C-alpha cells in the first residue's frame, strides 16, 4: 500500500529506537523528499546527536508560537559513495522546549493537522516517539500513520516485553510493519551504543501512573 508515514517505537528505553528512525529517514531521503519528526517531547535526542539547533521545534509549533516552516531544519546528507556524491536534504522537526503537558499536545487536533500538512509536503514522514511501553504519549498517533515499526535490542529486550508490546499494539489496532532486531554483536566483539535514559522514563512512568491509576500505560 501507499506508505507515506512510519512511526518508530519500542517497548522500553535504550534500544536504539531514535537511531533506527534517523537512519531510516536519512536513507529514504537519498531518493525521496523526507521529513523526520521527533514527538518525544519529554527526553529529546535528535538535536544533540545530529548537530541541529534544539529549538524552536514541535512543542512551539503545537502551542502556536511558530509556523510549520519555522520548525523545519534542513540537514544536508551526502548521496553516493565516499561522501563525494551530490547532497540532498533531510528535513527535521526536533521536539523543542520540554512543555508541561506533552501527552496533551501530542493528542491535540493541532498535532493531527501538522501530520496532515506534512503528508501533503513529503513522500515519507518518519515519526520518532517515546517508548510506548512506559509512556503513553504516542498512543494517539497509532491510527494516523501508514505503518508502525518496532525496535527491540537483542541484549536488552525480553520475551515478556515483546509480548506485552504485541498485545498493546493489537489493542490499539496499530498497523505494525515488523520488528528491527537491534544491538547484534559485531564479529570482532564490538557493540553499537545508543543514548536513551531509562531512569528518566522510569520516573516519568511512575508520575503518570500516580496521576492516572487506570491509564493505558499502567494497563500495559
Foldseek 3Di string as FASTA:
>chain_A
DQFAEEEFAEQAPFQCRVVVLVVVLQVVQLPWAEEEEELALQDWDPCVVQVHDQDDFDVCCLVVVDDPVRQWDWDWDAHDPPSPHDITTYIYGTNHHRDPCSLDSLLDPSVLVSVVVVSVVTSHYYYYYYHCLQDVSCLNCQVVGPEYEYEGEPVPDDPVSVVVVVVLCVVSVGRYPYYDHAFDADPVRDTDGDDDDRVSSVVVSVVVCVVPVPDVSVVD
